[in-house]
């Protein structure tokens, strides 16, 4: 009977260690962006910059039209 409890405890420890390993592995992967993620983020940053430029042009045109020029 004692052997069964010891085996059960060992199995539980193995499952716990495996879960901790998976958790740590996922956290480290999530913090290091892959090449695809870096390319997507670079494209999004470029798109954001261009949208800001377009917004500036639209504001300037609106101001120019409101002054009647």
PDB file of N, CA and C in Angstrom:
ATOM      1  N   UNK A   1       0.823  -1.202   0.000  1.00  0.00           N
ATOM      2  CA  UNK A   1       0.000   0.000   0.000  1.00  0.00           C
ATOM      3  C   UNK A   1       0.861   1.257   0.000  1.00  0.00           C
ATOM      4  N   UNK A   2       1.938   1.268   0.749  1.00  0.00           N
ATOM      5  CA  UNK A   2       2.832   2.416   0.818  1.00  0.00           C
ATOM      6  C   UNK A   2       3.529   2.665  -0.506  1.00  0.00           C
ATOM      7  N   UNK A   3       3.798   1.568  -1.220  1.00  0.00           N
ATOM      8  CA  UNK A   3       4.444   1.704  -2.526  1.00  0.00           C
ATOM      9  C   UNK A   3       3.512   2.404  -3.517  1.00  0.00           C
ATOM     10  N   UNK A   4       2.237   2.119  -3.446  1.00  0.00           N
ATOM     11  CA  UNK A   4       1.256   2.734  -4.341  1.00  0.00           C
ATOM     12  C   UNK A   4       1.175   4.241  -4.098  1.00  0.00           C
ATOM     13  N   UNK A   5       1.221   4.633  -2.841  1.00  0.00           N
ATOM     14  CA  UNK A   5       1.179   6.052  -2.504  1.00  0.00           C
ATOM     15  C   UNK A   5       2.442   6.740  -3.013  1.00  0.00           C
ATOM     16  N   UNK A   6       3.587   6.108  -2.855  1.00  0.00           N
ATOM     17  CA  UNK A   6       4.847   6.682  -3.320  1.00  0.00           C
ATOM     18  C   UNK A   6       4.833   6.835  -4.843  1.00  0.00           C
ATOM     19  N   UNK A   7       4.302   5.825  -5.539  1.00  0.00           N
ATOM     20  CA  UNK A   7       4.207   5.907  -7.000  1.00  0.00           C
ATOM     21  C   UNK A   7       3.256   7.033  -7.390  1.00  0.00           C
ATOM     22  N   UNK A   8       2.145   7.165  -6.698  1.00  0.00           N
ATOM     23  CA  UNK A   8       1.184   8.236  -6.974  1.00  0.00           C
ATOM     24  C   UNK A   8       1.795   9.610  -6.761  1.00  0.00           C
ATOM     25  N   UNK A   9       2.559   9.755  -5.688  1.00  0.00           N
ATOM     26  CA  UNK A   9       3.221  11.026  -5.407  1.00  0.00           C
ATOM     27  C   UNK A   9       4.236  11.339  -6.493  1.00  0.00           C
ATOM     28  N   UNK A  10       4.990  10.339  -6.920  1.00  0.00           N
ATOM     29  CA  UNK A  10       5.989  10.557  -7.978  1.00  0.00           C
ATOM     30  C   UNK A  10       5.317  10.960  -9.292  1.00  0.00           C
ATOM     31  N   UNK A  11       4.216  10.317  -9.620  1.00  0.00           N
ATOM     32  CA  UNK A  11       3.487  10.671 -10.839  1.00  0.00           C
ATOM     33  C   UNK A  11       2.987  12.113 -10.736  1.00  0.00           C
ATOM     34  N   UNK A  12       2.485  12.486  -9.582  1.00  0.00           N
ATOM     35  CA  UNK A  12       2.026  13.856  -9.371  1.00  0.00           C
ATOM     36  C   UNK A  12       3.147  14.868  -9.517  1.00  0.00           C
ATOM     37  N   UNK A  13       4.322  14.547  -9.001  1.00  0.00           N
ATOM     38  CA  UNK A  13       5.482  15.438  -9.116  1.00  0.00           C
ATOM     39  C   UNK A  13       5.893  15.582 -10.582  1.00  0.00           C
ATOM     40  N   UNK A  14       5.874  14.477 -11.319  1.00  0.00           N
ATOM     41  CA  UNK A  14       6.233  14.515 -12.739  1.00  0.00           C
ATOM     42  C   UNK A  14       5.242  15.387 -13.514  1.00  0.00           C
ATOM     43  N   UNK A  15       3.953  15.236 -13.240  1.00  0.00           N
ATOM     44  CA  UNK A  15       2.937  16.043 -13.914  1.00  0.00           C
ATOM     45  C   UNK A  15       3.113  17.522 -13.569  1.00  0.00           C
ATOM     46  N   UNK A  16       3.369  17.820 -12.312  1.00  0.00           N
ATOM     47  CA  UNK A  16       3.589  19.199 -11.884  1.00  0.00           C
ATOM     48  C   UNK A  16       4.822  19.796 -12.561  1.00  0.00           C
ATOM     49  N   UNK A  17       5.915  19.041 -12.606  1.00  0.00           N
ATOM     50  CA  UNK A  17       7.143  19.529 -13.241  1.00  0.00           C
ATOM     51  C   UNK A  17       6.917  19.770 -14.728  1.00  0.00           C
ATOM     52  N   UNK A  18       6.173  18.879 -15.371  1.00  0.00           N
ATOM     53  CA  UNK A  18       5.872  19.044 -16.790  1.00  0.00           C
ATOM     54  C   UNK A  18       5.040  20.303 -17.027  1.00  0.00           C
ATOM     55  N   UNK A  19       4.070  20.551 -16.170  1.00  0.00           N
ATOM     56  CA  UNK A  19       3.230  21.747 -16.296  1.00  0.00           C
ATOM     57  C   UNK A  19       4.048  23.021 -16.104  1.00  0.00           C
ATOM     58  N   UNK A  20       4.929  23.023 -15.143  1.00  0.00           N
ATOM     59  CA  UNK A  20       5.777  24.194 -14.899  1.00  0.00           C
ATOM     60  C   UNK A  20       6.693  24.421 -16.099  1.00  0.00           C
ATOM     61  N   UNK A  21       7.254  23.353 -16.647  1.00  0.00           N
ATOM     62  CA  UNK A  21       8.133  23.471 -17.809  1.00  0.00           C
ATOM     63  C   UNK A  21       7.370  24.071 -18.998  1.00  0.00           C
ATOM     64  N   UNK A  22       6.171  23.599 -19.256  1.00  0.00           N
ATOM     65  CA  UNK A  22       5.365  24.137 -20.360  1.00  0.00           C
ATOM     66  C   UNK A  22       5.039  25.607 -20.139  1.00  0.00           C
ATOM     67  N   UNK A  23       4.695  25.963 -18.909  1.00  0.00           N
ATOM     68  CA  UNK A  23       4.362  27.348 -18.587  1.00  0.00           C
ATOM     69  C   UNK A  23       5.553  28.267 -18.847  1.00  0.00           C
ATOM     70  N   UNK A  24       6.724  27.872 -18.365  1.00  0.00           N
ATOM     71  CA  UNK A  24       7.929  28.680 -18.549  1.00  0.00           C
ATOM     72  C   UNK A  24       8.290  28.764 -20.028  1.00  0.00           C
ATOM     73  N   UNK A  25       8.157  27.672 -20.757  1.00  0.00           N
ATOM     74  CA  UNK A  25       8.461  27.648 -22.184  1.00  0.00           C
ATOM     75  C   UNK A  25       7.551  28.598 -22.947  1.00  0.00           C
ATOM     76  N   UNK A  26       6.275  28.594 -22.641  1.00  0.00           N
ATOM     77  CA  UNK A  26       5.330  29.501 -23.314  1.00  0.00           C
ATOM     78  C   UNK A  26       5.637  30.951 -22.993  1.00  0.00           C
ATOM     79  N   UNK A  27       5.984  31.254 -21.754  1.00  0.00           N
ATOM     80  CA  UNK A  27       6.278  32.632 -21.359  1.00  0.00           C
ATOM     81  C   UNK A  27       7.523  33.150 -22.071  1.00  0.00           C
ATOM     82  N   UNK A  28       8.564  32.331 -22.192  1.00  0.00           N
ATOM     83  CA  UNK A  28       9.777  32.797 -22.863  1.00  0.00           C
ATOM     84  C   UNK A  28       9.544  32.948 -24.356  1.00  0.00           C
ATOM     85  N   UNK A  29       8.750  32.093 -24.952  1.00  0.00           N
ATOM     86  CA  UNK A  29       8.448  32.236 -26.379  1.00  0.00           C
ATOM     87  C   UNK A  29       7.616  33.477 -26.629  1.00  0.00           C
ATOM     88  N   UNK A  30       6.702  33.788 -25.740  1.00  0.00           N
ATOM     89  CA  UNK A  30       5.827  34.941 -25.921  1.00  0.00           C
ATOM     90  C   UNK A  30       6.616  36.245 -25.808  1.00  0.00           C
ATOM     91  N   UNK A  31       7.691  36.247 -25.041  1.00  0.00           N
ATOM     92  CA  UNK A  31       8.442  37.484 -24.860  1.00  0.00           C
ATOM     93  C   UNK A  31       9.436  37.737 -25.991  1.00  0.00           C
ATOM     94  N   UNK A  32       9.771  36.705 -26.760  1.00  0.00           N
ATOM     95  CA  UNK A  32      10.709  36.860 -27.869  1.00  0.00           C
ATOM     96  C   UNK A  32       9.920  36.784 -29.173  1.00  0.00           C
ATOM     97  N   UNK A  33       9.751  37.916 -29.863  1.00  0.00           N
ATOM     98  CA  UNK A  33       8.959  37.887 -31.097  1.00  0.00           C
ATOM     99  C   UNK A  33       9.691  37.146 -32.208  1.00  0.00           C
ATOM    100  N   UNK A  34       8.943  36.414 -32.993  1.00  0.00           N
ATOM    101  CA  UNK A  34       9.527  35.706 -34.121  1.00  0.00           C
ATOM    102  C   UNK A  34       9.774  36.689 -35.262  1.00  0.00           C
ATOM    103  N   UNK A  35      10.438  36.218 -36.310  1.00  0.00           N
ATOM    104  CA  UNK A  35      10.722  37.085 -37.460  1.00  0.00           C
ATOM    105  C   UNK A  35       9.435  37.581 -38.103  1.00  0.00           C
ATOM    106  N   UNK A  36       8.445  36.710 -38.206  1.00  0.00           N
ATOM    107  CA  UNK A  36       7.168  37.106 -38.810  1.00  0.00           C
ATOM    108  C   UNK A  36       6.504  38.199 -37.982  1.00  0.00           C
ATOM    109  N   UNK A  37       6.538  38.056 -36.668  1.00  0.00           N
ATOM    110  CA  UNK A  37       5.940  39.073 -35.804  1.00  0.00           C
ATOM    111  C   UNK A  37       6.678  40.400 -35.940  1.00  0.00           C
ATOM    112  N   UNK A  38       8.001  40.346 -36.050  1.00  0.00           N
ATOM    113  CA  UNK A  38       8.778  41.574 -36.207  1.00  0.00           C
ATOM    114  C   UNK A  38       8.435  42.268 -37.523  1.00  0.00           C
ATOM    115  N   UNK A  39       8.278  41.487 -38.606  1.00  0.00           N
ATOM    116  CA  UNK A  39       7.916  42.079 -39.903  1.00  0.00           C
ATOM    117  C   UNK A  39       6.530  42.701 -39.841  1.00  0.00           C
ATOM    118  N   UNK A  40       5.598  42.011 -39.203  1.00  0.00           N
ATOM    119  CA  UNK A  40       4.236  42.546 -39.085  1.00  0.00           C
ATOM    120  C   UNK A  40       4.241  43.831 -38.264  1.00  0.00           C
ATOM    121  N   UNK A  41       4.984  43.837 -37.162  1.00  0.00           N
ATOM    122  CA  UNK A  41       5.046  45.044 -36.331  1.00  0.00           C
ATOM    123  C   UNK A  41       5.697  46.195 -37.091  1.00  0.00           C
ATOM    124  N   UNK A  42       6.724  45.908 -37.898  1.00  0.00           N
ATOM    125  CA  UNK A  42       7.355  46.962 -38.696  1.00  0.00           C
ATOM    126  C   UNK A  42       6.368  47.526 -39.714  1.00  0.00           C
ATOM    127  N   UNK A  43       5.595  46.647 -40.346  1.00  0.00           N
ATOM    128  CA  UNK A  43       4.596  47.113 -41.320  1.00  0.00           C
ATOM    129  C   UNK A  43       3.509  47.935 -40.643  1.00  0.00           C
ATOM    130  N   UNK A  44       3.072  47.504 -39.468  1.00  0.00           N
ATOM    131  CA  UNK A  44       2.046  48.258 -38.741  1.00  0.00           C
ATOM    132  C   UNK A  44       2.571  49.627 -38.323  1.00  0.00           C
ATOM    133  N   UNK A  45       3.823  49.692 -37.902  1.00  0.00           N
ATOM    134  CA  UNK A  45       4.404  50.980 -37.530  1.00  0.00           C
ATOM    135  C   UNK A  45       4.491  51.904 -38.741  1.00  0.00           C
ATOM    136  N   UNK A  46       4.876  51.358 -39.900  1.00  0.00           N
ATOM    137  CA  UNK A  46       4.924  52.156 -41.130  1.00  0.00           C
ATOM    138  C   UNK A  46       3.531  52.639 -41.519  1.00  0.00           C
ATOM    139  N   UNK A  47       2.546  51.755 -41.398  1.00  0.00           N
ATOM    140  CA  UNK A  47       1.166  52.132 -41.703  1.00  0.00           C
ATOM    141  C   UNK A  47       0.678  53.227 -40.762  1.00  0.00           C
ATOM    142  N   UNK A  48       1.021  53.111 -39.493  1.00  0.00           N
ATOM    143  CA  UNK A  48       0.635  54.124 -38.519  1.00  0.00           C
ATOM    144  C   UNK A  48       1.266  55.473 -38.857  1.00  0.00           C
ATOM    145  N   UNK A  49       2.537  55.458 -39.264  1.00  0.00           N
ATOM    146  CA  UNK A  49       3.218  56.697 -39.644  1.00  0.00           C
ATOM    147  C   UNK A  49       2.541  57.331 -40.854  1.00  0.00           C
ATOM    148  N   UNK A  50       2.206  56.521 -41.841  1.00  0.00           N
ATOM    149  CA  UNK A  50       1.552  57.045 -43.050  1.00  0.00           C
ATOM    150  C   UNK A  50       0.161  57.588 -42.742  1.00  0.00           C
ATOM    151  N   UNK A  51      -0.563  56.900 -41.864  1.00  0.00           N
ATOM    152  CA  UNK A  51      -1.894  57.391 -41.484  1.00  0.00           C
ATOM    153  C   UNK A  51      -1.781  58.733 -40.769  1.00  0.00           C
ATOM    154  N   UNK A  52      -0.743  58.907 -39.961  1.00  0.00           N
ATOM    155  CA  UNK A  52      -0.509  60.189 -39.303  1.00  0.00           C
ATOM    156  C   UNK A  52      -0.233  61.289 -40.315  1.00  0.00           C
ATOM    157  N   UNK A  53       0.555  60.959 -41.349  1.00  0.00           N
ATOM    158  CA  UNK A  53       0.832  61.939 -42.408  1.00  0.00           C
ATOM    159  C   UNK A  53      -0.452  62.331 -43.140  1.00  0.00           C
ATOM    160  N   UNK A  54      -1.275  61.342 -43.462  1.00  0.00           N
ATOM    161  CA  UNK A  54      -2.545  61.623 -44.147  1.00  0.00           C
ATOM    162  C   UNK A  54      -3.445  62.483 -43.273  1.00  0.00           C
ATOM    163  N   UNK A  55      -3.465  62.194 -41.996  1.00  0.00           N
ATOM    164  CA  UNK A  55      -4.286  62.980 -41.070  1.00  0.00           C
ATOM    165  C   UNK A  55      -3.802  64.430 -41.038  1.00  0.00           C
ATOM    166  N   UNK A  56      -2.487  64.634 -41.022  1.00  0.00           N
ATOM    167  CA  UNK A  56      -1.950  65.999 -41.029  1.00  0.00           C
ATOM    168  C   UNK A  56      -2.357  66.746 -42.296  1.00  0.00           C
ATOM    169  N   UNK A  57      -2.294  66.071 -43.441  1.00  0.00           N
ATOM    170  CA  UNK A  57      -2.688  66.696 -44.707  1.00  0.00           C
ATOM    171  C   UNK A  57      -4.172  67.057 -44.687  1.00  0.00           C
ATOM    172  N   UNK A  58      -5.002  66.146 -44.193  1.00  0.00           N
ATOM    173  CA  UNK A  58      -6.441  66.404 -44.141  1.00  0.00           C
ATOM    174  C   UNK A  58      -6.758  67.577 -43.219  1.00  0.00           C
ATOM    175  N   UNK A  59      -6.071  67.685 -42.097  1.00  0.00           N
ATOM    176  CA  UNK A  59      -6.287  68.808 -41.181  1.00  0.00           C
ATOM    177  C   UNK A  59      -5.882  70.115 -41.857  1.00  0.00           C
ATOM    178  N   UNK A  60      -4.736  70.099 -42.562  1.00  0.00           N
ATOM    179  CA  UNK A  60      -4.283  71.307 -43.257  1.00  0.00           C
ATOM    180  C   UNK A  60      -5.272  71.717 -44.344  1.00  0.00           C
ATOM    181  N   UNK A  61      -5.796  70.750 -45.098  1.00  0.00           N
ATOM    182  CA  UNK A  61      -6.788  71.059 -46.129  1.00  0.00           C
ATOM    183  C   UNK A  61      -8.066  71.611 -45.524  1.00  0.00           C
ATOM    184  N   UNK A  62      -8.499  71.048 -44.418  1.00  0.00           N
ATOM    185  CA  UNK A  62      -9.709  71.514 -43.751  1.00  0.00           C
ATOM    186  C   UNK A  62      -9.538  72.954 -43.279  1.00  0.00           C
ATOM    187  N   UNK A  63      -8.384  73.255 -42.691  1.00  0.00           N
ATOM    188  CA  UNK A  63      -8.121  74.616 -42.233  1.00  0.00           C
ATOM    189  C   UNK A  63      -8.077  75.593 -43.407  1.00  0.00           C
ATOM    190  N   UNK A  64      -7.476  75.152 -44.510  1.00  0.00           N
ATOM    191  CA  UNK A  64      -7.379  76.004 -45.681  1.00  0.00           C
ATOM    192  C   UNK A  64      -8.748  76.287 -46.266  1.00  0.00           C
ATOM    193  N   UNK A  65      -9.598  75.263 -46.313  1.00  0.00           N
ATOM    194  CA  UNK A  65     -10.957  75.432 -46.863  1.00  0.00           C
ATOM    195  C   UNK A  65     -11.822  76.275 -45.936  1.00  0.00           C
ATOM    196  N   UNK A  66     -11.640  76.146 -44.625  1.00  0.00           N
ATOM    197  CA  UNK A  66     -12.466  76.914 -43.697  1.00  0.00           C
ATOM    198  C   UNK A  66     -12.105  78.403 -43.723  1.00  0.00           C
ATOM    199  N   UNK A  67     -10.851  78.724 -44.128  1.00  0.00           N
ATOM    200  CA  UNK A  67     -10.445  80.138 -44.247  1.00  0.00           C
ATOM    201  C   UNK A  67     -10.888  80.719 -45.587  1.00  0.00           C
ATOM    202  N   UNK A  68     -11.318  79.848 -46.496  1.00  0.00           N
ATOM    203  CA  UNK A  68     -11.798  80.326 -47.794  1.00  0.00           C
ATOM    204  C   UNK A  68     -10.696  80.589 -48.788  1.00  0.00           C
ATOM    205  N   UNK A  69      -9.563  79.994 -48.617  1.00  0.00           N
ATOM    206  CA  UNK A  69      -8.441  80.224 -49.545  1.00  0.00           C
ATOM    207  C   UNK A  69      -8.564  79.376 -50.769  1.00  0.00           C
TER     208      UNK A  69
END
